[in-house]
Amino acid sequence: MLIDFKDEDFENKIKKEDASVVQLSASYCGPCKVLKPLMLKLSENEYKDRANFYYADVENDGINLGSQVGCKAVPTVIIFKKGVEVDRLVGGVPESHMKEFLDKNI
């Protein structure tokens, strides 16, 4: 499941979770629109028991998180463990590359 992120989720959820994957995106971003279905697929299949997946629109409900983590480009995927950033991946990537990134970090 890809959870729609709201800024309060960082304190209420991400800081408490063993692993969280956050996709920072914007509605105008073409690569973000391509990445979202991939992240949904991964969150519902091979990674569903390994991490919670969030979708944060940096223009709306994820605007504070985007600023807080220094997001300079979208899409950006950040992996957090107990609220601490472990790694980030910037830009649209193929499924195989995203799986390598997730396997390395969660």
Protein backbone atom coordinates (compact mmCIF):
# COMPACT_ATOMS: atom_id res chain seq x y z
CA MET A 1 0.00 0.00 0.00
CA LEU A 2 1.22 3.49 -0.85
CA ILE A 3 0.11 5.79 1.97
CA ASP A 4 -0.66 9.44 1.19
CA PHE A 5 1.82 11.31 3.39
CA LYS A 6 0.90 14.26 5.56
CA ASP A 7 3.57 16.26 7.40
CA GLU A 8 2.38 15.05 10.80
CA ASP A 9 3.08 11.46 9.70
CA PHE A 10 6.80 12.06 10.17
CA GLU A 11 6.42 12.49 13.94
CA ASN A 12 3.47 10.13 14.36
CA LYS A 13 4.62 7.24 12.16
CA ILE A 14 8.01 7.45 10.44
CA LYS A 15 9.99 8.17 13.61
CA LYS A 16 8.49 5.01 15.13
CA GLU A 17 8.83 2.63 12.16
CA ASP A 18 11.75 0.30 11.57
CA ALA A 19 11.79 1.22 7.87
CA SER A 20 9.86 3.80 5.87
CA VAL A 21 10.14 4.58 2.17
CA VAL A 22 8.98 8.06 1.16
CA GLN A 23 8.51 9.16 -2.45
CA LEU A 24 8.69 12.95 -2.65
CA SER A 25 6.87 14.06 -5.79
CA ALA A 26 4.89 16.85 -7.42
CA SER A 27 1.76 16.74 -9.54
CA TYR A 28 3.47 18.48 -12.49
CA CYS A 29 6.36 15.98 -12.61
CA GLY A 30 6.25 13.39 -15.42
CA PRO A 31 8.85 11.00 -13.92
CA CYS A 32 6.93 11.15 -10.61
CA LYS A 33 3.78 9.95 -12.36
CA VAL A 34 5.72 7.04 -13.85
CA LEU A 35 7.37 6.13 -10.53
CA LYS A 36 4.18 6.15 -8.43
CA PRO A 37 2.64 2.95 -9.92
CA LEU A 38 6.00 1.18 -9.55
CA MET A 39 6.21 2.16 -5.88
CA LEU A 40 2.62 1.01 -5.38
CA LYS A 41 3.44 -2.36 -6.96
CA LEU A 42 6.58 -2.84 -4.84
CA SER A 43 4.77 -1.79 -1.65
CA GLU A 44 2.01 -4.33 -2.25
CA ASN A 45 4.23 -7.23 -3.30
CA GLU A 46 7.82 -8.09 -2.42
CA TYR A 47 8.37 -5.25 0.08
CA LYS A 48 4.99 -5.13 1.84
CA ASP A 49 6.28 -6.75 5.05
CA ARG A 50 9.63 -4.94 5.05
CA ALA A 51 8.68 -1.25 5.10
CA ASN A 52 5.81 1.20 4.93
CA PHE A 53 5.65 3.20 1.69
CA TYR A 54 4.51 6.83 1.56
CA TYR A 55 3.73 9.22 -1.28
CA ALA A 56 4.40 12.87 -0.40
CA ASP A 57 3.40 15.71 -2.73
CA VAL A 58 5.90 18.49 -1.96
CA GLU A 59 3.38 21.10 -3.10
CA ASN A 60 0.67 19.96 -0.70
CA ASP A 61 0.76 17.65 2.31
CA GLY A 62 4.51 16.94 2.16
CA ILE A 63 5.74 20.49 1.78
CA ASN A 64 7.37 20.71 5.21
CA LEU A 65 9.07 17.33 4.87
CA GLY A 66 10.43 18.32 1.47
CA SER A 67 12.01 21.42 2.98
CA GLN A 68 13.20 19.62 6.10
CA VAL A 69 15.12 16.96 4.17
CA GLY A 70 16.50 19.35 1.58
CA CYS A 71 14.62 17.94 -1.40
CA LYS A 72 15.95 19.79 -4.44
CA ALA A 73 14.44 17.65 -7.21
CA VAL A 74 11.53 15.29 -7.68
CA PRO A 75 11.06 12.44 -7.68
CA THR A 76 13.22 11.72 -4.66
CA VAL A 77 12.85 8.46 -2.74
CA ILE A 78 14.18 8.52 0.82
CA ILE A 79 14.51 5.56 3.17
CA PHE A 80 14.18 6.28 6.87
CA LYS A 81 14.83 3.99 9.83
CA LYS A 82 13.20 5.26 13.02
CA GLY A 83 13.05 8.70 11.41
CA VAL A 84 16.72 8.84 10.45
CA GLU A 85 17.55 9.09 6.76
CA VAL A 86 19.50 6.05 5.57
CA ASP A 87 19.76 6.80 1.85
CA ARG A 88 18.07 8.65 -1.01
CA LEU A 89 17.61 8.16 -4.73
CA VAL A 90 16.86 11.13 -6.99
CA GLY A 91 15.16 10.85 -10.37
CA GLY A 92 13.09 8.32 -12.21
CA VAL A 93 14.70 4.90 -12.36
CA PRO A 94 13.79 1.49 -13.83
CA GLU A 95 12.27 -1.16 -11.57
CA SER A 96 15.51 -3.15 -11.33
CA HIS A 97 17.41 -0.10 -10.06
CA MET A 98 14.70 0.69 -7.49
CA LYS A 99 14.78 -2.90 -6.23
CA GLU A 100 18.57 -2.73 -5.81
CA PHE A 101 18.18 0.50 -3.85
CA LEU A 102 15.47 -0.97 -1.59
CA ASP A 103 17.33 -4.25 -1.07
CA LYS A 104 20.47 -2.38 -0.06
CA ASN A 105 18.68 -0.19 2.50
CA ILE A 106 15.78 -2.06 4.11
